Amino acid sequence: MEANSSKDTGSNYDLDLVWNDYDCLDPSQRGYLVEYGHFFRVDSVVWLNSISTNLNQHLLSIPKSHGTGLYAIRVIAKDPQNQALPSQSNWIIFDTQTPIGLSENTFNWQVPNILNPNGNGQNESFYIQSLSTAKHEYHFSLKIFNQTGELVFSDAQYHHRNTPATAWKGGKLGTGIYFYEIEFTEPAKSVQAPIQGKLLLIK
């Protein structure tokens, strides 16, 4: 998900959001929930509102009456029964104190979406790369879920394993679509939202 533009209207902060379509469902069957929430401490968000849409873009208005500070914005795919699916976009961290604009606390990460450990030197391991120029030390965990939401892999100290040679290679899991969740912990002193997404494992 990206914010193409932002605007201070006087009473609201308006962000023009766009995201990739969830392609595991036919377009006629899928929808999205656009949610925003307010950080009340560095690692916890109170979700304030959600908006339903069938499009892959939305003009989100955050009323100034909700207060200043850091906001998290995310998009969740939903099925025809309006149930949330285990697929969530990256978070945008929006800081109303900077002034209007994307927060400097939003860091970019390159996370694999294909894992094919066949020895050809490409997509061999689940190696997570930071694309940020900020000098922060991050500790993070990794969880992998199957399509029914069952936890099939977990490493609470994944930052120790996270090198091209030693990163997770799929273990005993078979070919299929899985979902990952990366959560950040101290000693990083800046807000870093969880990262969730889809992974295609080919064995």
N, C-alpha and C. Protein backbone atom coordinates (compact mmCIF):
# COMPACT_ATOMS: atom_id res chain seq x y z
N MET A 1 0.84 -1.18 0.00
CA MET A 1 0.00 0.00 0.00
C MET A 1 0.89 1.24 0.00
N GLU A 2 0.42 2.28 -0.71
CA GLU A 2 1.13 3.55 -0.77
C GLU A 2 0.14 4.68 -0.59
N ALA A 3 0.64 5.79 -0.11
CA ALA A 3 -0.14 7.03 -0.06
C ALA A 3 0.38 7.93 -1.17
N ASN A 4 -0.42 8.10 -2.21
CA ASN A 4 0.01 8.90 -3.36
C ASN A 4 0.09 10.38 -3.02
N SER A 5 -0.79 10.83 -2.15
CA SER A 5 -0.78 12.24 -1.79
C SER A 5 -1.44 12.41 -0.44
N SER A 6 -1.23 13.57 0.18
CA SER A 6 -1.86 13.89 1.45
C SER A 6 -2.21 15.37 1.46
N LYS A 7 -3.26 15.71 2.23
CA LYS A 7 -3.75 17.09 2.22
C LYS A 7 -4.36 17.42 3.57
N ASP A 8 -4.09 18.62 4.05
CA ASP A 8 -4.71 19.14 5.26
C ASP A 8 -5.90 20.00 4.83
N THR A 9 -7.12 19.52 5.12
CA THR A 9 -8.32 20.24 4.69
C THR A 9 -8.82 21.23 5.73
N GLY A 10 -8.16 21.29 6.87
CA GLY A 10 -8.61 22.15 7.96
C GLY A 10 -9.24 21.37 9.08
N SER A 11 -10.18 20.49 8.74
CA SER A 11 -10.82 19.65 9.76
C SER A 11 -10.36 18.20 9.69
N ASN A 12 -9.77 17.80 8.54
CA ASN A 12 -9.34 16.42 8.32
C ASN A 12 -7.93 16.39 7.74
N TYR A 13 -7.31 15.22 7.87
CA TYR A 13 -6.14 14.88 7.08
C TYR A 13 -6.61 13.88 6.02
N ASP A 14 -6.45 14.19 4.74
CA ASP A 14 -6.88 13.31 3.67
C ASP A 14 -5.67 12.65 3.03
N LEU A 15 -5.72 11.31 2.92
CA LEU A 15 -4.65 10.55 2.27
C LEU A 15 -5.25 9.74 1.13
N ASP A 16 -4.64 9.84 -0.05
CA ASP A 16 -5.06 9.09 -1.23
C ASP A 16 -4.29 7.78 -1.24
N LEU A 17 -4.95 6.66 -0.90
CA LEU A 17 -4.31 5.36 -0.73
C LEU A 17 -4.54 4.47 -1.96
N VAL A 18 -3.53 3.70 -2.31
CA VAL A 18 -3.65 2.68 -3.36
C VAL A 18 -2.91 1.43 -2.89
N TRP A 19 -3.39 0.24 -3.32
CA TRP A 19 -2.74 -1.01 -2.93
C TRP A 19 -2.95 -2.06 -4.00
N ASN A 20 -2.16 -3.12 -3.93
CA ASN A 20 -2.27 -4.23 -4.87
C ASN A 20 -3.51 -5.05 -4.56
N ASP A 21 -4.16 -5.56 -5.61
CA ASP A 21 -5.34 -6.40 -5.40
C ASP A 21 -4.96 -7.74 -4.79
N TYR A 22 -5.87 -8.27 -3.95
CA TYR A 22 -5.73 -9.61 -3.39
C TYR A 22 -6.18 -10.59 -4.46
N ASP A 23 -5.24 -11.37 -5.02
CA ASP A 23 -5.55 -12.16 -6.20
C ASP A 23 -5.91 -13.61 -5.91
N CYS A 24 -6.15 -13.95 -4.63
CA CYS A 24 -6.58 -15.31 -4.31
C CYS A 24 -8.09 -15.47 -4.44
N LEU A 25 -8.82 -14.39 -4.68
CA LEU A 25 -10.26 -14.44 -4.90
C LEU A 25 -10.59 -13.71 -6.20
N ASP A 26 -11.66 -14.17 -6.86
CA ASP A 26 -12.15 -13.49 -8.03
C ASP A 26 -12.54 -12.05 -7.66
N PRO A 27 -12.32 -11.09 -8.57
CA PRO A 27 -12.66 -9.69 -8.25
C PRO A 27 -14.10 -9.49 -7.79
N SER A 28 -15.03 -10.34 -8.28
CA SER A 28 -16.43 -10.20 -7.88
C SER A 28 -16.68 -10.73 -6.47
N GLN A 29 -15.71 -11.44 -5.89
CA GLN A 29 -15.88 -12.06 -4.59
C GLN A 29 -15.12 -11.37 -3.46
N ARG A 30 -14.22 -10.50 -3.81
CA ARG A 30 -13.35 -9.92 -2.79
C ARG A 30 -13.74 -8.48 -2.47
N GLY A 31 -13.35 -8.06 -1.30
CA GLY A 31 -13.50 -6.67 -0.88
C GLY A 31 -12.36 -6.31 0.04
N TYR A 32 -12.39 -5.10 0.56
CA TYR A 32 -11.32 -4.64 1.42
C TYR A 32 -11.87 -3.83 2.59
N LEU A 33 -11.17 -3.90 3.71
CA LEU A 33 -11.41 -3.03 4.85
C LEU A 33 -10.20 -2.11 5.00
N VAL A 34 -10.43 -0.83 4.92
CA VAL A 34 -9.38 0.16 5.16
C VAL A 34 -9.53 0.60 6.61
N GLU A 35 -8.49 0.38 7.41
CA GLU A 35 -8.56 0.69 8.84
C GLU A 35 -7.48 1.70 9.22
N TYR A 36 -7.82 2.54 10.18
CA TYR A 36 -6.80 3.39 10.77
C TYR A 36 -6.95 3.40 12.28
N GLY A 37 -5.84 3.56 12.95
CA GLY A 37 -5.83 3.55 14.40
C GLY A 37 -4.78 4.48 14.95
N HIS A 38 -4.83 4.70 16.24
CA HIS A 38 -3.97 5.66 16.92
C HIS A 38 -3.03 4.91 17.86
N PHE A 39 -1.73 5.19 17.79
CA PHE A 39 -0.78 4.59 18.72
C PHE A 39 -0.97 5.20 20.11
N PHE A 40 -1.17 4.34 21.12
CA PHE A 40 -1.17 4.88 22.48
C PHE A 40 0.09 4.50 23.22
N ARG A 41 0.89 3.63 22.65
CA ARG A 41 2.27 3.44 23.06
C ARG A 41 3.01 2.88 21.85
N VAL A 42 4.32 2.74 21.97
CA VAL A 42 5.14 2.48 20.79
C VAL A 42 4.76 1.18 20.08
N ASP A 43 4.21 0.19 20.79
CA ASP A 43 3.94 -1.11 20.17
C ASP A 43 2.47 -1.47 20.17
N SER A 44 1.58 -0.53 20.35
CA SER A 44 0.16 -0.87 20.43
C SER A 44 -0.69 0.21 19.79
N VAL A 45 -1.68 -0.23 19.00
CA VAL A 45 -2.56 0.66 18.27
C VAL A 45 -3.99 0.41 18.69
N VAL A 46 -4.76 1.48 18.91
CA VAL A 46 -6.20 1.39 19.09
C VAL A 46 -6.84 1.68 17.73
N TRP A 47 -7.49 0.68 17.15
CA TRP A 47 -8.10 0.86 15.83
C TRP A 47 -9.41 1.61 16.00
N LEU A 48 -9.53 2.72 15.29
CA LEU A 48 -10.63 3.65 15.49
C LEU A 48 -11.76 3.45 14.49
N ASN A 49 -11.45 3.04 13.29
CA ASN A 49 -12.48 3.02 12.26
C ASN A 49 -12.08 2.06 11.14
N SER A 50 -13.06 1.57 10.40
CA SER A 50 -12.80 0.76 9.21
C SER A 50 -13.82 1.11 8.14
N ILE A 51 -13.36 1.16 6.91
CA ILE A 51 -14.20 1.52 5.78
C ILE A 51 -14.16 0.38 4.77
N SER A 52 -15.32 -0.05 4.29
CA SER A 52 -15.40 -1.12 3.30
C SER A 52 -15.36 -0.54 1.89
N THR A 53 -14.66 -1.25 1.01
CA THR A 53 -14.61 -0.86 -0.40
C THR A 53 -14.32 -2.08 -1.25
N ASN A 54 -14.73 -2.05 -2.51
CA ASN A 54 -14.40 -3.12 -3.46
C ASN A 54 -13.29 -2.70 -4.41
N LEU A 55 -12.80 -1.48 -4.24
CA LEU A 55 -11.74 -0.96 -5.09
C LEU A 55 -10.38 -1.16 -4.43
N ASN A 56 -9.31 -0.95 -5.20
CA ASN A 56 -7.97 -1.04 -4.62
C ASN A 56 -7.38 0.35 -4.38
N GLN A 57 -8.26 1.31 -4.11
CA GLN A 57 -7.84 2.66 -3.76
C GLN A 57 -8.93 3.31 -2.90
N HIS A 58 -8.52 4.29 -2.10
CA HIS A 58 -9.49 4.95 -1.22
C HIS A 58 -8.91 6.28 -0.76
N LEU A 59 -9.76 7.30 -0.70
CA LEU A 59 -9.39 8.58 -0.13
C LEU A 59 -9.78 8.55 1.34
N LEU A 60 -8.79 8.40 2.20
CA LEU A 60 -9.03 8.25 3.64
C LEU A 60 -8.96 9.61 4.33
N SER A 61 -10.01 9.93 5.08
CA SER A 61 -10.04 11.17 5.86
C SER A 61 -9.95 10.85 7.34
N ILE A 62 -8.93 11.41 8.00
CA ILE A 62 -8.77 11.24 9.44
C ILE A 62 -9.16 12.55 10.12
N PRO A 63 -10.26 12.56 10.85
CA PRO A 63 -10.68 13.80 11.51
C PRO A 63 -9.65 14.29 12.52
N LYS A 64 -9.36 15.58 12.51
CA LYS A 64 -8.41 16.14 13.46
C LYS A 64 -8.91 16.01 14.90
N SER A 65 -10.23 15.83 15.05
CA SER A 65 -10.79 15.67 16.39
C SER A 65 -10.30 14.41 17.07
N HIS A 66 -9.73 13.48 16.30
CA HIS A 66 -9.20 12.24 16.88
C HIS A 66 -7.85 12.45 17.55
N GLY A 67 -7.27 13.65 17.39
CA GLY A 67 -6.04 13.95 18.11
C GLY A 67 -4.80 13.85 17.24
N THR A 68 -3.72 14.46 17.72
CA THR A 68 -2.45 14.43 17.00
C THR A 68 -1.64 13.22 17.44
N GLY A 69 -0.59 12.94 16.69
CA GLY A 69 0.28 11.83 17.01
C GLY A 69 0.41 10.85 15.86
N LEU A 70 0.87 9.66 16.17
CA LEU A 70 1.09 8.64 15.15
C LEU A 70 -0.18 7.82 14.90
N TYR A 71 -0.49 7.63 13.63
CA TYR A 71 -1.60 6.77 13.21
C TYR A 71 -1.06 5.64 12.36
N ALA A 72 -1.66 4.47 12.49
CA ALA A 72 -1.36 3.34 11.62
C ALA A 72 -2.53 3.15 10.66
N ILE A 73 -2.21 2.88 9.40
CA ILE A 73 -3.22 2.66 8.37
C ILE A 73 -2.90 1.33 7.70
N ARG A 74 -3.93 0.49 7.53
CA ARG A 74 -3.72 -0.81 6.90
C ARG A 74 -4.95 -1.17 6.08
N VAL A 75 -4.78 -2.15 5.18
CA VAL A 75 -5.87 -2.68 4.38
C VAL A 75 -5.92 -4.18 4.58
N ILE A 76 -7.14 -4.70 4.84
CA ILE A 76 -7.35 -6.13 5.05
C ILE A 76 -8.33 -6.64 3.99
N ALA A 77 -7.98 -7.73 3.33
CA ALA A 77 -8.89 -8.34 2.36
C ALA A 77 -10.03 -9.04 3.09
N LYS A 78 -11.22 -9.08 2.46
CA LYS A 78 -12.36 -9.76 3.06
C LYS A 78 -13.06 -10.61 2.00
N ASP A 79 -13.77 -11.65 2.46
CA ASP A 79 -14.46 -12.57 1.56
C ASP A 79 -15.90 -12.10 1.33
N PRO A 80 -16.68 -12.85 0.52
CA PRO A 80 -18.06 -12.42 0.24
C PRO A 80 -18.96 -12.37 1.48
N GLN A 81 -18.59 -13.07 2.55
CA GLN A 81 -19.35 -13.03 3.80
C GLN A 81 -18.89 -11.90 4.72
N ASN A 82 -18.03 -11.02 4.18
CA ASN A 82 -17.52 -9.86 4.92
C ASN A 82 -16.57 -10.26 6.03
N GLN A 83 -16.02 -11.47 5.95
CA GLN A 83 -15.06 -11.93 6.94
C GLN A 83 -13.64 -11.56 6.50
N ALA A 84 -12.85 -11.09 7.45
CA ALA A 84 -11.46 -10.73 7.15
C ALA A 84 -10.66 -11.97 6.79
N LEU A 85 -9.83 -11.84 5.76
CA LEU A 85 -8.95 -12.92 5.31
C LEU A 85 -7.56 -12.72 5.92
N PRO A 86 -6.76 -13.81 5.98
CA PRO A 86 -5.41 -13.68 6.56
C PRO A 86 -4.44 -13.01 5.59
N SER A 87 -4.83 -11.87 5.10
CA SER A 87 -3.98 -11.11 4.18
C SER A 87 -4.10 -9.64 4.55
N GLN A 88 -2.98 -9.02 4.86
CA GLN A 88 -2.97 -7.65 5.33
C GLN A 88 -1.85 -6.91 4.63
N SER A 89 -2.12 -5.67 4.25
CA SER A 89 -1.09 -4.87 3.59
C SER A 89 -0.01 -4.46 4.58
N ASN A 90 1.06 -3.89 4.04
CA ASN A 90 2.00 -3.17 4.90
C ASN A 90 1.25 -2.03 5.59
N TRP A 91 1.77 -1.56 6.69
CA TRP A 91 1.18 -0.42 7.39
C TRP A 91 1.83 0.87 6.92
N ILE A 92 1.04 1.93 6.81
CA ILE A 92 1.56 3.27 6.66
C ILE A 92 1.47 3.95 8.03
N ILE A 93 2.56 4.49 8.50
CA ILE A 93 2.56 5.22 9.76
C ILE A 93 2.48 6.70 9.43
N PHE A 94 1.43 7.34 9.91
CA PHE A 94 1.13 8.72 9.56
C PHE A 94 1.25 9.59 10.81
N ASP A 95 2.08 10.61 10.74
CA ASP A 95 2.35 11.46 11.89
C ASP A 95 1.73 12.83 11.69
N THR A 96 0.74 13.19 12.50
CA THR A 96 0.07 14.48 12.35
C THR A 96 0.86 15.63 12.95
N GLN A 97 2.03 15.35 13.52
CA GLN A 97 2.82 16.40 14.16
C GLN A 97 3.97 16.89 13.28
N THR A 98 4.08 16.44 12.03
CA THR A 98 5.36 16.70 11.34
C THR A 98 5.54 17.88 10.38
N PRO A 99 4.61 18.63 9.83
CA PRO A 99 3.15 18.47 9.70
C PRO A 99 2.81 17.43 8.65
N ILE A 100 1.69 17.63 7.94
CA ILE A 100 1.10 16.59 7.10
C ILE A 100 2.15 15.93 6.20
N GLY A 101 2.12 14.62 6.14
CA GLY A 101 3.07 13.86 5.34
C GLY A 101 3.29 12.51 5.97
N LEU A 102 4.00 11.65 5.30
CA LEU A 102 4.28 10.34 5.84
C LEU A 102 5.36 10.44 6.89
N SER A 103 5.20 9.67 7.95
CA SER A 103 6.12 9.76 9.07
C SER A 103 7.51 9.27 8.70
N GLU A 104 8.51 9.89 9.27
CA GLU A 104 9.88 9.42 9.10
C GLU A 104 10.09 8.08 9.78
N ASN A 105 9.10 7.63 10.59
CA ASN A 105 9.22 6.34 11.25
C ASN A 105 8.80 5.18 10.36
N THR A 106 8.40 5.45 9.13
CA THR A 106 8.04 4.39 8.20
C THR A 106 9.30 3.90 7.50
N PHE A 107 9.69 2.70 7.75
CA PHE A 107 10.90 2.14 7.17
C PHE A 107 10.54 1.13 6.08
N ASN A 108 11.37 1.04 5.08
CA ASN A 108 11.10 0.16 3.94
C ASN A 108 11.87 -1.15 4.11
N TRP A 109 11.16 -2.23 3.82
CA TRP A 109 11.76 -3.56 3.93
C TRP A 109 11.48 -4.33 2.65
N GLN A 110 12.44 -5.10 2.24
CA GLN A 110 12.27 -5.99 1.10
C GLN A 110 12.06 -7.40 1.64
N VAL A 111 10.83 -7.89 1.48
CA VAL A 111 10.45 -9.19 2.01
C VAL A 111 10.14 -10.12 0.85
N PRO A 112 10.69 -11.33 0.80
CA PRO A 112 10.41 -12.23 -0.32
C PRO A 112 8.94 -12.61 -0.39
N ASN A 113 8.40 -12.71 -1.60
CA ASN A 113 7.05 -13.27 -1.76
C ASN A 113 7.06 -14.59 -2.50
N ILE A 114 8.26 -15.03 -2.90
CA ILE A 114 8.44 -16.36 -3.50
C ILE A 114 9.64 -17.03 -2.84
N LEU A 115 9.48 -18.28 -2.47
CA LEU A 115 10.57 -19.06 -1.88
C LEU A 115 10.68 -20.36 -2.67
N ASN A 116 11.84 -20.58 -3.31
CA ASN A 116 12.05 -21.74 -4.16
C ASN A 116 13.46 -22.28 -3.92
N PRO A 117 13.65 -23.02 -2.82
CA PRO A 117 14.99 -23.49 -2.45
C PRO A 117 15.44 -24.70 -3.28
N ASN A 118 15.80 -24.44 -4.55
CA ASN A 118 16.18 -25.54 -5.44
C ASN A 118 17.66 -25.53 -5.80
N GLY A 119 18.44 -24.62 -5.17
CA GLY A 119 19.87 -24.60 -5.40
C GLY A 119 20.34 -23.77 -6.57
N ASN A 120 19.42 -23.02 -7.23
CA ASN A 120 19.85 -22.23 -8.38
C ASN A 120 20.32 -20.83 -7.99
N GLY A 121 20.33 -20.53 -6.68
CA GLY A 121 20.83 -19.26 -6.22
C GLY A 121 19.81 -18.13 -6.22
N GLN A 122 18.57 -18.41 -6.61
CA GLN A 122 17.53 -17.40 -6.63
C GLN A 122 16.37 -17.81 -5.72
N ASN A 123 15.88 -16.88 -4.91
CA ASN A 123 14.75 -17.14 -4.02
C ASN A 123 14.98 -18.35 -3.12
N GLU A 124 16.21 -18.48 -2.64
CA GLU A 124 16.59 -19.67 -1.90
C GLU A 124 16.12 -19.64 -0.44
N SER A 125 16.03 -18.45 0.15
CA SER A 125 15.72 -18.36 1.58
C SER A 125 14.87 -17.13 1.86
N PHE A 126 14.22 -17.13 3.03
CA PHE A 126 13.35 -16.03 3.43
C PHE A 126 14.21 -14.98 4.13
N TYR A 127 15.01 -14.30 3.32
CA TYR A 127 15.94 -13.28 3.81
C TYR A 127 15.28 -11.92 3.72
N ILE A 128 15.19 -11.21 4.84
CA ILE A 128 14.51 -9.92 4.94
C ILE A 128 15.56 -8.81 4.94
N GLN A 129 15.44 -7.88 4.00
CA GLN A 129 16.42 -6.81 3.86
C GLN A 129 15.81 -5.46 4.20
N SER A 130 16.56 -4.65 4.95
CA SER A 130 16.14 -3.28 5.23
C SER A 130 16.65 -2.39 4.11
N LEU A 131 15.72 -1.58 3.56
CA LEU A 131 16.08 -0.63 2.51
C LEU A 131 16.21 0.78 3.05
N SER A 132 16.10 0.92 4.36
CA SER A 132 16.17 2.24 4.98
C SER A 132 17.62 2.66 5.17
N THR A 133 17.87 3.95 5.03
CA THR A 133 19.21 4.48 5.29
C THR A 133 19.39 4.83 6.77
N ALA A 134 18.28 4.77 7.54
CA ALA A 134 18.37 5.05 8.98
C ALA A 134 19.17 3.95 9.67
N LYS A 135 20.01 4.36 10.61
CA LYS A 135 20.88 3.41 11.29
C LYS A 135 20.20 2.93 12.58
N HIS A 136 19.38 1.91 12.44
CA HIS A 136 18.69 1.32 13.59
C HIS A 136 19.02 -0.16 13.65
N GLU A 137 19.09 -0.66 14.86
CA GLU A 137 19.23 -2.10 15.05
C GLU A 137 17.86 -2.67 15.34
N TYR A 138 17.43 -3.64 14.55
CA TYR A 138 16.11 -4.21 14.72
C TYR A 138 16.18 -5.66 15.17
N HIS A 139 15.39 -5.98 16.16
CA HIS A 139 15.14 -7.36 16.55
C HIS A 139 13.74 -7.71 16.08
N PHE A 140 13.58 -8.85 15.45
CA PHE A 140 12.25 -9.18 14.95
C PHE A 140 12.01 -10.69 14.96
N SER A 141 10.73 -11.03 15.01
CA SER A 141 10.30 -12.42 14.98
C SER A 141 9.61 -12.70 13.64
N LEU A 142 9.50 -13.97 13.31
CA LEU A 142 8.82 -14.39 12.09
C LEU A 142 7.84 -15.51 12.41
N LYS A 143 6.63 -15.37 11.89
CA LYS A 143 5.63 -16.43 11.96
C LYS A 143 5.12 -16.72 10.56
N ILE A 144 4.93 -18.00 10.26
CA ILE A 144 4.39 -18.43 8.98
C ILE A 144 3.09 -19.20 9.25
N PHE A 145 2.04 -18.86 8.52
CA PHE A 145 0.74 -19.50 8.67
C PHE A 145 0.32 -20.14 7.36
N ASN A 146 -0.42 -21.26 7.45
CA ASN A 146 -0.99 -21.82 6.24
C ASN A 146 -2.31 -21.13 5.92
N GLN A 147 -3.01 -21.59 4.88
CA GLN A 147 -4.21 -20.88 4.43
C GLN A 147 -5.40 -21.05 5.36
N THR A 148 -5.32 -21.95 6.31
CA THR A 148 -6.39 -22.08 7.30
C THR A 148 -6.08 -21.30 8.58
N GLY A 149 -4.94 -20.60 8.58
CA GLY A 149 -4.57 -19.79 9.74
C GLY A 149 -3.75 -20.53 10.78
N GLU A 150 -3.34 -21.76 10.48
CA GLU A 150 -2.53 -22.55 11.42
C GLU A 150 -1.08 -22.08 11.38
N LEU A 151 -0.50 -21.88 12.56
CA LEU A 151 0.91 -21.50 12.65
C LEU A 151 1.78 -22.71 12.31
N VAL A 152 2.61 -22.59 11.27
CA VAL A 152 3.41 -23.72 10.82
C VAL A 152 4.91 -23.49 11.00
N PHE A 153 5.30 -22.26 11.31
CA PHE A 153 6.70 -21.96 11.61
C PHE A 153 6.75 -20.71 12.47
N SER A 154 7.65 -20.70 13.44
CA SER A 154 7.80 -19.54 14.30
C SER A 154 9.23 -19.45 14.80
N ASP A 155 9.78 -18.24 14.79
CA ASP A 155 11.11 -17.99 15.32
C ASP A 155 11.09 -16.61 15.98
N ALA A 156 11.12 -16.60 17.31
CA ALA A 156 11.01 -15.34 18.06
C ALA A 156 12.26 -14.48 17.95
N GLN A 157 13.37 -15.06 17.52
CA GLN A 157 14.63 -14.33 17.38
C GLN A 157 15.14 -14.44 15.94
N TYR A 158 14.26 -14.19 14.99
CA TYR A 158 14.61 -14.44 13.60
C TYR A 158 15.76 -13.56 13.10
N HIS A 159 15.97 -12.43 13.74
CA HIS A 159 17.07 -11.55 13.31
C HIS A 159 18.42 -12.25 13.41
N HIS A 160 18.54 -13.26 14.29
CA HIS A 160 19.79 -14.01 14.40
C HIS A 160 19.98 -14.95 13.19
N ARG A 161 18.88 -15.42 12.63
CA ARG A 161 18.92 -16.35 11.50
C ARG A 161 18.95 -15.62 10.16
N ASN A 162 18.63 -14.33 10.17
CA ASN A 162 18.34 -13.59 8.95
C ASN A 162 19.60 -13.20 8.18
N THR A 163 20.20 -14.17 7.51
CA THR A 163 21.27 -13.94 6.53
C THR A 163 20.91 -14.77 5.30
N PRO A 164 21.45 -14.42 4.13
CA PRO A 164 21.12 -15.21 2.93
C PRO A 164 21.40 -16.70 3.09
N ALA A 165 22.43 -17.03 3.87
CA ALA A 165 22.83 -18.44 4.01
C ALA A 165 22.00 -19.18 5.06
N THR A 166 21.58 -18.49 6.11
CA THR A 166 20.94 -19.20 7.23
C THR A 166 19.45 -18.93 7.38
N ALA A 167 18.88 -18.04 6.58
CA ALA A 167 17.46 -17.73 6.69
C ALA A 167 16.62 -18.97 6.38
N TRP A 168 15.37 -18.95 6.84
CA TRP A 168 14.44 -20.08 6.69
C TRP A 168 14.25 -20.43 5.22
N LYS A 169 14.26 -21.74 4.92
CA LYS A 169 14.16 -22.23 3.54
C LYS A 169 12.90 -23.05 3.30
N GLY A 170 11.93 -22.94 4.19
CA GLY A 170 10.68 -23.65 3.98
C GLY A 170 10.50 -24.90 4.80
N GLY A 171 11.59 -25.38 5.41
CA GLY A 171 11.50 -26.57 6.26
C GLY A 171 10.87 -27.75 5.55
N LYS A 172 9.92 -28.40 6.23
CA LYS A 172 9.25 -29.57 5.67
C LYS A 172 7.92 -29.22 5.01
N LEU A 173 7.63 -27.93 4.89
CA LEU A 173 6.37 -27.53 4.28
C LEU A 173 6.37 -27.81 2.79
N GLY A 174 5.20 -28.11 2.26
CA GLY A 174 5.07 -28.41 0.85
C GLY A 174 4.75 -27.18 0.03
N THR A 175 4.73 -27.34 -1.28
CA THR A 175 4.38 -26.26 -2.19
C THR A 175 3.00 -25.70 -1.87
N GLY A 176 2.88 -24.39 -1.88
CA GLY A 176 1.60 -23.77 -1.61
C GLY A 176 1.75 -22.31 -1.25
N ILE A 177 0.62 -21.69 -0.95
CA ILE A 177 0.60 -20.28 -0.54
C ILE A 177 0.50 -20.21 0.98
N TYR A 178 1.38 -19.43 1.57
CA TYR A 178 1.43 -19.24 3.02
C TYR A 178 1.39 -17.73 3.31
N PHE A 179 1.27 -17.41 4.57
CA PHE A 179 1.21 -16.01 4.99
C PHE A 179 2.25 -15.78 6.08
N TYR A 180 2.95 -14.66 6.00
CA TYR A 180 3.99 -14.36 6.98
C TYR A 180 3.57 -13.17 7.83
N GLU A 181 4.14 -13.12 9.03
CA GLU A 181 3.98 -11.99 9.93
C GLU A 181 5.32 -11.71 10.58
N ILE A 182 5.82 -10.49 10.42
CA ILE A 182 7.09 -10.08 10.99
C ILE A 182 6.80 -9.01 12.03
N GLU A 183 7.22 -9.23 13.26
CA GLU A 183 7.00 -8.28 14.35
C GLU A 183 8.34 -7.79 14.89
N PHE A 184 8.42 -6.52 15.13
CA PHE A 184 9.66 -5.88 15.56
C PHE A 184 9.61 -5.59 17.06
N THR A 185 10.77 -5.69 17.71
CA THR A 185 10.88 -5.44 19.15
C THR A 185 12.08 -4.55 19.41
N GLU A 186 12.33 -4.23 20.65
CA GLU A 186 13.52 -3.47 21.01
C GLU A 186 14.76 -4.27 20.60
N PRO A 187 15.94 -3.61 20.42
CA PRO A 187 16.31 -2.29 20.94
C PRO A 187 16.03 -1.11 20.01
N ALA A 188 15.34 -1.32 18.87
CA ALA A 188 15.02 -0.17 18.03
C ALA A 188 14.14 0.79 18.80
N LYS A 189 14.44 2.08 18.75
CA LYS A 189 13.73 3.07 19.55
C LYS A 189 12.68 3.83 18.74
N SER A 190 12.50 3.49 17.47
CA SER A 190 11.50 4.15 16.66
C SER A 190 10.37 3.17 16.35
N VAL A 191 9.19 3.71 16.06
CA VAL A 191 8.03 2.87 15.77
C VAL A 191 8.26 2.09 14.48
N GLN A 192 8.06 0.81 14.51
CA GLN A 192 8.10 -0.01 13.31
C GLN A 192 6.91 -0.95 13.36
N ALA A 193 5.98 -0.76 12.45
CA ALA A 193 4.76 -1.55 12.44
C ALA A 193 5.05 -2.98 11.99
N PRO A 194 4.21 -3.93 12.38
CA PRO A 194 4.36 -5.29 11.87
C PRO A 194 4.21 -5.31 10.36
N ILE A 195 4.80 -6.31 9.74
CA ILE A 195 4.68 -6.51 8.29
C ILE A 195 4.01 -7.87 8.08
N GLN A 196 2.98 -7.90 7.26
CA GLN A 196 2.29 -9.15 6.94
C GLN A 196 2.12 -9.24 5.43
N GLY A 197 2.11 -10.46 4.92
CA GLY A 197 1.94 -10.63 3.49
C GLY A 197 1.83 -12.09 3.10
N LYS A 198 1.84 -12.30 1.80
CA LYS A 198 1.64 -13.63 1.22
C LYS A 198 2.96 -14.16 0.67
N LEU A 199 3.17 -15.46 0.83
CA LEU A 199 4.39 -16.12 0.37
C LEU A 199 4.03 -17.35 -0.45
N LEU A 200 4.57 -17.47 -1.65
CA LEU A 200 4.42 -18.66 -2.48
C LEU A 200 5.66 -19.53 -2.27
N LEU A 201 5.47 -20.72 -1.73
CA LEU A 201 6.56 -21.68 -1.51
C LEU A 201 6.48 -22.74 -2.59
N ILE A 202 7.58 -22.91 -3.31
CA ILE A 202 7.67 -23.91 -4.37
C ILE A 202 8.76 -24.90 -4.01
N LYS A 203 8.38 -26.14 -3.88
CA LYS A 203 9.34 -27.20 -3.53
C LYS A 203 9.54 -28.15 -4.70
